[in-house]
N, C-alpha and C. Protein backbone atom coordinates (compact mmCIF):
# COMPACT_ATOMS: atom_id res chain seq x y z
N MET A 1 20.36 -3.69 -29.35
CA MET A 1 19.22 -4.15 -28.58
C MET A 1 17.95 -3.60 -29.22
N GLN A 2 17.02 -4.47 -29.53
CA GLN A 2 15.75 -4.03 -30.11
C GLN A 2 14.73 -3.92 -28.99
N LEU A 3 14.60 -2.73 -28.45
CA LEU A 3 13.72 -2.53 -27.31
C LEU A 3 12.25 -2.52 -27.69
N PHE A 4 11.94 -2.18 -28.94
CA PHE A 4 10.54 -2.00 -29.33
C PHE A 4 10.08 -3.00 -30.37
N GLN A 5 10.69 -4.15 -30.45
CA GLN A 5 10.35 -5.07 -31.52
C GLN A 5 8.92 -5.59 -31.42
N ARG A 6 8.29 -5.56 -30.25
CA ARG A 6 6.95 -6.10 -30.10
C ARG A 6 5.84 -5.07 -30.14
N SER A 7 6.11 -3.83 -29.81
CA SER A 7 5.00 -2.90 -29.63
C SER A 7 5.32 -1.49 -30.10
N ILE A 8 4.74 -1.11 -31.22
CA ILE A 8 4.90 0.26 -31.68
C ILE A 8 4.14 1.20 -30.74
N LYS A 9 3.05 0.72 -30.14
CA LYS A 9 2.30 1.56 -29.22
C LYS A 9 3.16 1.95 -28.02
N LYS A 10 3.95 1.02 -27.53
CA LYS A 10 4.83 1.32 -26.40
C LYS A 10 5.86 2.38 -26.80
N LYS A 11 6.37 2.25 -28.01
CA LYS A 11 7.34 3.22 -28.51
C LYS A 11 6.72 4.62 -28.56
N ASP A 12 5.50 4.72 -29.06
CA ASP A 12 4.81 6.01 -29.12
C ASP A 12 4.54 6.56 -27.73
N LYS A 13 4.17 5.68 -26.81
CA LYS A 13 3.89 6.10 -25.44
C LYS A 13 5.15 6.69 -24.79
N VAL A 14 6.27 6.02 -24.98
CA VAL A 14 7.53 6.50 -24.40
C VAL A 14 7.91 7.85 -24.99
N ARG A 15 7.77 7.99 -26.29
CA ARG A 15 8.09 9.29 -26.92
C ARG A 15 7.21 10.40 -26.38
N LEU A 16 5.92 10.14 -26.23
CA LEU A 16 5.00 11.14 -25.70
C LEU A 16 5.38 11.52 -24.27
N LEU A 17 5.68 10.53 -23.45
CA LEU A 17 6.07 10.80 -22.07
C LEU A 17 7.39 11.56 -22.00
N GLN A 18 8.37 11.15 -22.78
CA GLN A 18 9.67 11.83 -22.76
C GLN A 18 9.52 13.29 -23.17
N LYS A 19 8.67 13.54 -24.13
CA LYS A 19 8.47 14.90 -24.62
C LYS A 19 7.79 15.79 -23.59
N ASN A 20 6.88 15.22 -22.80
CA ASN A 20 6.04 16.03 -21.91
C ASN A 20 6.39 15.95 -20.44
N LEU A 21 7.31 15.07 -20.07
CA LEU A 21 7.66 14.94 -18.66
C LEU A 21 8.47 16.13 -18.17
N CYS A 22 8.14 16.52 -16.97
CA CYS A 22 8.92 17.57 -16.31
C CYS A 22 9.38 16.99 -14.98
N LEU A 23 10.57 16.41 -14.99
CA LEU A 23 11.11 15.79 -13.79
C LEU A 23 12.25 16.62 -13.25
N LYS A 24 12.24 16.79 -11.94
CA LYS A 24 13.34 17.50 -11.28
C LYS A 24 14.32 16.46 -10.73
N PRO A 25 15.59 16.82 -10.62
CA PRO A 25 16.57 15.87 -10.09
C PRO A 25 16.20 15.35 -8.70
N GLU A 26 15.53 16.17 -7.91
CA GLU A 26 15.18 15.77 -6.54
C GLU A 26 13.86 15.01 -6.45
N ASP A 27 13.13 14.87 -7.54
CA ASP A 27 11.86 14.14 -7.52
C ASP A 27 12.09 12.68 -7.17
N LYS A 28 11.21 12.17 -6.31
CA LYS A 28 11.20 10.75 -5.98
C LYS A 28 10.03 10.14 -6.75
N ILE A 29 10.34 9.15 -7.59
CA ILE A 29 9.37 8.62 -8.54
C ILE A 29 9.23 7.12 -8.37
N LEU A 30 7.99 6.65 -8.35
CA LEU A 30 7.70 5.22 -8.29
C LEU A 30 7.11 4.78 -9.62
N ASP A 31 7.67 3.74 -10.20
CA ASP A 31 7.06 3.08 -11.35
C ASP A 31 6.38 1.83 -10.82
N LEU A 32 5.08 1.92 -10.63
CA LEU A 32 4.30 0.83 -10.06
C LEU A 32 3.84 -0.09 -11.19
N GLY A 33 4.25 -1.35 -11.11
CA GLY A 33 3.98 -2.29 -12.18
C GLY A 33 5.00 -2.13 -13.29
N CYS A 34 6.25 -2.05 -12.90
CA CYS A 34 7.34 -1.76 -13.85
C CYS A 34 7.56 -2.88 -14.86
N ALA A 35 7.01 -4.05 -14.63
CA ALA A 35 7.19 -5.21 -15.52
C ALA A 35 8.67 -5.49 -15.73
N GLN A 36 9.11 -5.59 -16.98
CA GLN A 36 10.51 -5.91 -17.24
C GLN A 36 11.42 -4.68 -17.22
N GLY A 37 10.86 -3.51 -16.95
CA GLY A 37 11.67 -2.32 -16.72
C GLY A 37 12.00 -1.45 -17.91
N LEU A 38 11.48 -1.77 -19.08
CA LEU A 38 11.83 -1.02 -20.28
C LEU A 38 11.43 0.44 -20.19
N ILE A 39 10.19 0.71 -19.84
CA ILE A 39 9.73 2.10 -19.78
C ILE A 39 10.47 2.85 -18.68
N SER A 40 10.65 2.24 -17.53
CA SER A 40 11.43 2.87 -16.45
C SER A 40 12.82 3.22 -16.93
N TYR A 41 13.45 2.29 -17.60
CA TYR A 41 14.81 2.49 -18.09
C TYR A 41 14.91 3.73 -18.97
N LEU A 42 13.97 3.87 -19.88
CA LEU A 42 13.99 5.00 -20.80
C LEU A 42 13.60 6.32 -20.13
N LEU A 43 12.63 6.27 -19.23
CA LEU A 43 12.15 7.51 -18.61
C LEU A 43 13.07 8.02 -17.51
N GLN A 44 13.75 7.14 -16.81
CA GLN A 44 14.59 7.60 -15.70
C GLN A 44 15.76 8.44 -16.19
N GLN A 45 16.04 8.39 -17.47
CA GLN A 45 17.09 9.23 -18.04
C GLN A 45 16.69 10.70 -18.04
N LYS A 46 15.40 10.99 -17.82
CA LYS A 46 14.91 12.37 -17.75
C LYS A 46 15.18 12.99 -16.38
N GLY A 47 15.57 12.19 -15.40
CA GLY A 47 15.91 12.72 -14.08
C GLY A 47 15.10 12.08 -12.97
N GLY A 48 15.39 12.50 -11.75
CA GLY A 48 14.69 12.00 -10.58
C GLY A 48 15.33 10.75 -10.00
N PHE A 49 14.85 10.39 -8.81
CA PHE A 49 15.27 9.17 -8.12
C PHE A 49 14.14 8.17 -8.27
N TRP A 50 14.39 7.08 -8.95
CA TRP A 50 13.34 6.12 -9.31
C TRP A 50 13.39 4.87 -8.43
N ILE A 51 12.19 4.42 -8.09
CA ILE A 51 12.00 3.11 -7.47
C ILE A 51 11.06 2.34 -8.38
N HIS A 52 11.39 1.09 -8.64
CA HIS A 52 10.67 0.26 -9.60
C HIS A 52 10.00 -0.88 -8.83
N ALA A 53 8.69 -0.99 -8.94
CA ALA A 53 7.96 -1.99 -8.17
C ALA A 53 7.09 -2.87 -9.06
N ASP A 54 7.05 -4.14 -8.71
CA ASP A 54 6.19 -5.08 -9.41
C ASP A 54 5.91 -6.24 -8.47
N LEU A 55 4.76 -6.87 -8.65
CA LEU A 55 4.42 -8.04 -7.84
C LEU A 55 5.15 -9.29 -8.33
N ASP A 56 5.37 -9.38 -9.62
CA ASP A 56 5.93 -10.58 -10.24
C ASP A 56 7.45 -10.63 -10.09
N TYR A 57 7.93 -11.64 -9.40
CA TYR A 57 9.36 -11.79 -9.14
C TYR A 57 10.15 -11.97 -10.44
N GLN A 58 9.61 -12.73 -11.38
CA GLN A 58 10.31 -12.94 -12.65
C GLN A 58 10.46 -11.63 -13.43
N ASN A 59 9.44 -10.78 -13.38
CA ASN A 59 9.56 -9.45 -14.00
C ASN A 59 10.73 -8.68 -13.40
N LEU A 60 10.84 -8.73 -12.08
CA LEU A 60 11.90 -7.98 -11.41
C LEU A 60 13.29 -8.54 -11.74
N LEU A 61 13.39 -9.85 -11.88
CA LEU A 61 14.67 -10.44 -12.29
C LEU A 61 15.09 -9.94 -13.67
N THR A 62 14.13 -9.87 -14.57
CA THR A 62 14.41 -9.34 -15.91
C THR A 62 14.73 -7.86 -15.85
N ALA A 63 13.95 -7.12 -15.06
CA ALA A 63 14.15 -5.67 -14.94
C ALA A 63 15.53 -5.34 -14.36
N ARG A 64 16.02 -6.21 -13.52
CA ARG A 64 17.33 -5.95 -12.88
C ARG A 64 18.45 -5.78 -13.92
N VAL A 65 18.33 -6.45 -15.05
CA VAL A 65 19.34 -6.34 -16.10
C VAL A 65 19.42 -4.89 -16.60
N LEU A 66 18.27 -4.26 -16.84
CA LEU A 66 18.24 -2.88 -17.31
C LEU A 66 18.41 -1.86 -16.19
N LEU A 67 17.71 -2.09 -15.09
CA LEU A 67 17.60 -1.06 -14.05
C LEU A 67 18.66 -1.17 -12.96
N GLN A 68 19.11 -2.37 -12.68
CA GLN A 68 20.21 -2.68 -11.76
C GLN A 68 19.92 -2.43 -10.28
N ARG A 69 19.05 -1.50 -9.93
CA ARG A 69 18.84 -1.21 -8.49
C ARG A 69 17.46 -0.62 -8.25
N ASN A 70 17.15 -0.46 -6.97
CA ASN A 70 15.89 0.14 -6.53
C ASN A 70 14.67 -0.63 -7.02
N LEU A 71 14.73 -1.94 -6.92
CA LEU A 71 13.64 -2.83 -7.32
C LEU A 71 12.95 -3.36 -6.07
N VAL A 72 11.62 -3.31 -6.09
CA VAL A 72 10.84 -3.74 -4.93
C VAL A 72 9.72 -4.67 -5.39
N GLN A 73 9.64 -5.84 -4.76
CA GLN A 73 8.52 -6.73 -5.03
C GLN A 73 7.42 -6.39 -4.03
N THR A 74 6.25 -6.03 -4.55
CA THR A 74 5.17 -5.62 -3.66
C THR A 74 3.81 -5.79 -4.30
N ASP A 75 2.82 -5.95 -3.45
CA ASP A 75 1.42 -5.97 -3.84
C ASP A 75 0.92 -4.53 -3.76
N SER A 76 0.25 -4.07 -4.79
CA SER A 76 -0.18 -2.67 -4.84
C SER A 76 -1.31 -2.34 -3.88
N SER A 77 -1.90 -3.33 -3.25
CA SER A 77 -2.97 -3.05 -2.29
C SER A 77 -2.43 -2.65 -0.92
N GLN A 78 -1.14 -2.83 -0.71
CA GLN A 78 -0.51 -2.46 0.56
C GLN A 78 0.96 -2.12 0.28
N LEU A 79 1.17 -0.91 -0.23
CA LEU A 79 2.51 -0.50 -0.64
C LEU A 79 3.41 -0.25 0.57
N PRO A 80 4.65 -0.72 0.54
CA PRO A 80 5.56 -0.62 1.69
C PRO A 80 6.34 0.70 1.74
N PHE A 81 5.62 1.79 1.49
CA PHE A 81 6.27 3.10 1.47
C PHE A 81 5.54 4.03 2.43
N LEU A 82 6.28 5.00 2.95
CA LEU A 82 5.68 5.99 3.85
C LEU A 82 4.68 6.85 3.10
N SER A 83 3.69 7.35 3.82
CA SER A 83 2.73 8.29 3.24
C SER A 83 3.46 9.54 2.76
N ALA A 84 2.97 10.09 1.68
CA ALA A 84 3.50 11.34 1.10
C ALA A 84 5.00 11.25 0.80
N SER A 85 5.43 10.10 0.29
CA SER A 85 6.87 9.92 0.05
C SER A 85 7.28 10.00 -1.43
N PHE A 86 6.33 10.13 -2.35
CA PHE A 86 6.66 10.20 -3.77
C PHE A 86 6.09 11.47 -4.41
N ASP A 87 6.90 12.06 -5.27
CA ASP A 87 6.46 13.23 -6.03
C ASP A 87 5.67 12.83 -7.26
N GLN A 88 5.99 11.67 -7.81
CA GLN A 88 5.26 11.17 -8.97
C GLN A 88 5.17 9.65 -8.89
N VAL A 89 4.04 9.14 -9.35
CA VAL A 89 3.85 7.70 -9.49
C VAL A 89 3.43 7.43 -10.93
N PHE A 90 4.17 6.54 -11.56
CA PHE A 90 3.82 6.09 -12.90
C PHE A 90 3.14 4.74 -12.77
N CYS A 91 1.98 4.63 -13.37
CA CYS A 91 1.20 3.39 -13.34
C CYS A 91 0.74 3.16 -14.78
N LEU A 92 1.61 2.56 -15.57
CA LEU A 92 1.40 2.44 -17.02
C LEU A 92 1.06 1.00 -17.39
N ASP A 93 -0.14 0.83 -17.92
CA ASP A 93 -0.61 -0.50 -18.35
C ASP A 93 -0.49 -1.53 -17.23
N TYR A 94 -0.85 -1.10 -16.04
CA TYR A 94 -0.77 -1.97 -14.87
C TYR A 94 -2.12 -2.15 -14.17
N LEU A 95 -2.88 -1.08 -14.06
CA LEU A 95 -4.10 -1.10 -13.26
C LEU A 95 -5.08 -2.18 -13.73
N GLU A 96 -5.10 -2.47 -15.01
CA GLU A 96 -6.02 -3.49 -15.52
C GLU A 96 -5.65 -4.89 -15.05
N HIS A 97 -4.47 -5.06 -14.47
CA HIS A 97 -4.04 -6.36 -13.94
C HIS A 97 -4.32 -6.51 -12.45
N VAL A 98 -4.80 -5.45 -11.82
CA VAL A 98 -5.01 -5.42 -10.38
C VAL A 98 -6.46 -5.78 -10.07
N GLU A 99 -6.65 -6.73 -9.15
CA GLU A 99 -8.02 -7.12 -8.78
C GLU A 99 -8.73 -6.01 -8.01
N GLU A 100 -8.05 -5.41 -7.07
CA GLU A 100 -8.64 -4.36 -6.23
C GLU A 100 -8.12 -3.00 -6.70
N ASP A 101 -8.62 -2.54 -7.84
CA ASP A 101 -8.08 -1.30 -8.41
C ASP A 101 -8.36 -0.07 -7.55
N GLU A 102 -9.49 -0.04 -6.86
CA GLU A 102 -9.77 1.11 -5.98
C GLU A 102 -8.80 1.14 -4.80
N MET A 103 -8.46 -0.01 -4.26
CA MET A 103 -7.49 -0.09 -3.17
C MET A 103 -6.11 0.35 -3.66
N CYS A 104 -5.76 -0.06 -4.86
CA CYS A 104 -4.49 0.34 -5.45
C CYS A 104 -4.44 1.86 -5.61
N LEU A 105 -5.49 2.46 -6.13
CA LEU A 105 -5.53 3.91 -6.31
C LEU A 105 -5.49 4.64 -4.96
N ALA A 106 -6.13 4.08 -3.95
CA ALA A 106 -6.07 4.67 -2.61
C ALA A 106 -4.64 4.64 -2.07
N GLU A 107 -3.94 3.56 -2.31
CA GLU A 107 -2.54 3.45 -1.87
C GLU A 107 -1.65 4.45 -2.62
N ILE A 108 -1.89 4.59 -3.91
CA ILE A 108 -1.14 5.58 -4.69
C ILE A 108 -1.38 6.97 -4.12
N ASN A 109 -2.63 7.28 -3.84
CA ASN A 109 -2.97 8.58 -3.26
C ASN A 109 -2.26 8.78 -1.92
N ARG A 110 -2.18 7.74 -1.12
CA ARG A 110 -1.53 7.82 0.19
C ARG A 110 -0.04 8.13 0.07
N ILE A 111 0.63 7.51 -0.89
CA ILE A 111 2.09 7.68 -0.97
C ILE A 111 2.51 8.93 -1.75
N LEU A 112 1.58 9.54 -2.48
CA LEU A 112 1.90 10.78 -3.20
C LEU A 112 1.94 11.97 -2.25
N THR A 113 2.86 12.89 -2.50
CA THR A 113 2.88 14.15 -1.74
C THR A 113 1.63 14.95 -2.10
N SER A 114 1.35 15.99 -1.33
CA SER A 114 0.14 16.79 -1.59
C SER A 114 0.15 17.42 -2.99
N GLN A 115 1.32 17.69 -3.52
CA GLN A 115 1.43 18.24 -4.88
C GLN A 115 1.87 17.16 -5.88
N GLY A 116 1.80 15.91 -5.45
CA GLY A 116 2.27 14.81 -6.29
C GLY A 116 1.40 14.58 -7.51
N ARG A 117 1.96 13.84 -8.45
CA ARG A 117 1.28 13.61 -9.72
C ARG A 117 1.26 12.11 -10.03
N LEU A 118 0.09 11.65 -10.45
CA LEU A 118 -0.07 10.28 -10.93
C LEU A 118 -0.11 10.32 -12.45
N VAL A 119 0.75 9.54 -13.08
CA VAL A 119 0.73 9.38 -14.53
C VAL A 119 0.18 7.97 -14.77
N LEU A 120 -1.05 7.91 -15.27
CA LEU A 120 -1.79 6.66 -15.38
C LEU A 120 -2.15 6.39 -16.84
N ALA A 121 -1.95 5.16 -17.27
CA ALA A 121 -2.38 4.75 -18.60
C ALA A 121 -2.93 3.34 -18.51
N VAL A 122 -4.05 3.12 -19.16
CA VAL A 122 -4.61 1.78 -19.29
C VAL A 122 -4.89 1.55 -20.77
N PRO A 123 -4.79 0.32 -21.22
CA PRO A 123 -5.02 0.07 -22.64
C PRO A 123 -6.48 0.31 -23.01
N GLN A 124 -6.67 0.82 -24.20
CA GLN A 124 -8.01 1.02 -24.72
C GLN A 124 -8.32 -0.16 -25.62
N THR A 125 -9.44 -0.80 -25.36
CA THR A 125 -9.86 -1.90 -26.23
C THR A 125 -11.20 -1.55 -26.84
N GLY A 126 -11.41 -2.00 -28.03
CA GLY A 126 -12.67 -1.70 -28.70
C GLY A 126 -12.73 -0.26 -29.16
N SER A 127 -13.92 0.19 -29.42
CA SER A 127 -14.15 1.54 -29.93
C SER A 127 -14.32 2.53 -28.78
N PHE A 128 -13.91 3.79 -29.02
CA PHE A 128 -14.15 4.84 -28.03
C PHE A 128 -15.62 5.21 -27.97
N PHE A 129 -16.37 4.91 -29.02
CA PHE A 129 -17.78 5.33 -29.10
C PHE A 129 -18.70 4.15 -29.20
């Protein structure tokens, strides 16, 4: 299976995350905007209990092949999870697709525990300067 045939950047991102992640077996983790599930699939091997969420039903059908379970179709402006229910939320290359990004971030804040961590990445376009 060629998991990285389209994006070397994705491959580098996964390596960086795998190297630096500190996941405990008891951590409850949400991958918000999981898309086809590739990054979730690779990162969940580091530990924790993962839930994979995406708005797009077709993405979730594809993700089911890799992830097999814990898939949720949801809009990020009104997440169907209890407050303070996740230790970590991964939001990788997703926020730029959300119309109400402030509402999405407020929902992420709501579902994170008080010591929870948001791992956020958005693509950089153009020059940094």
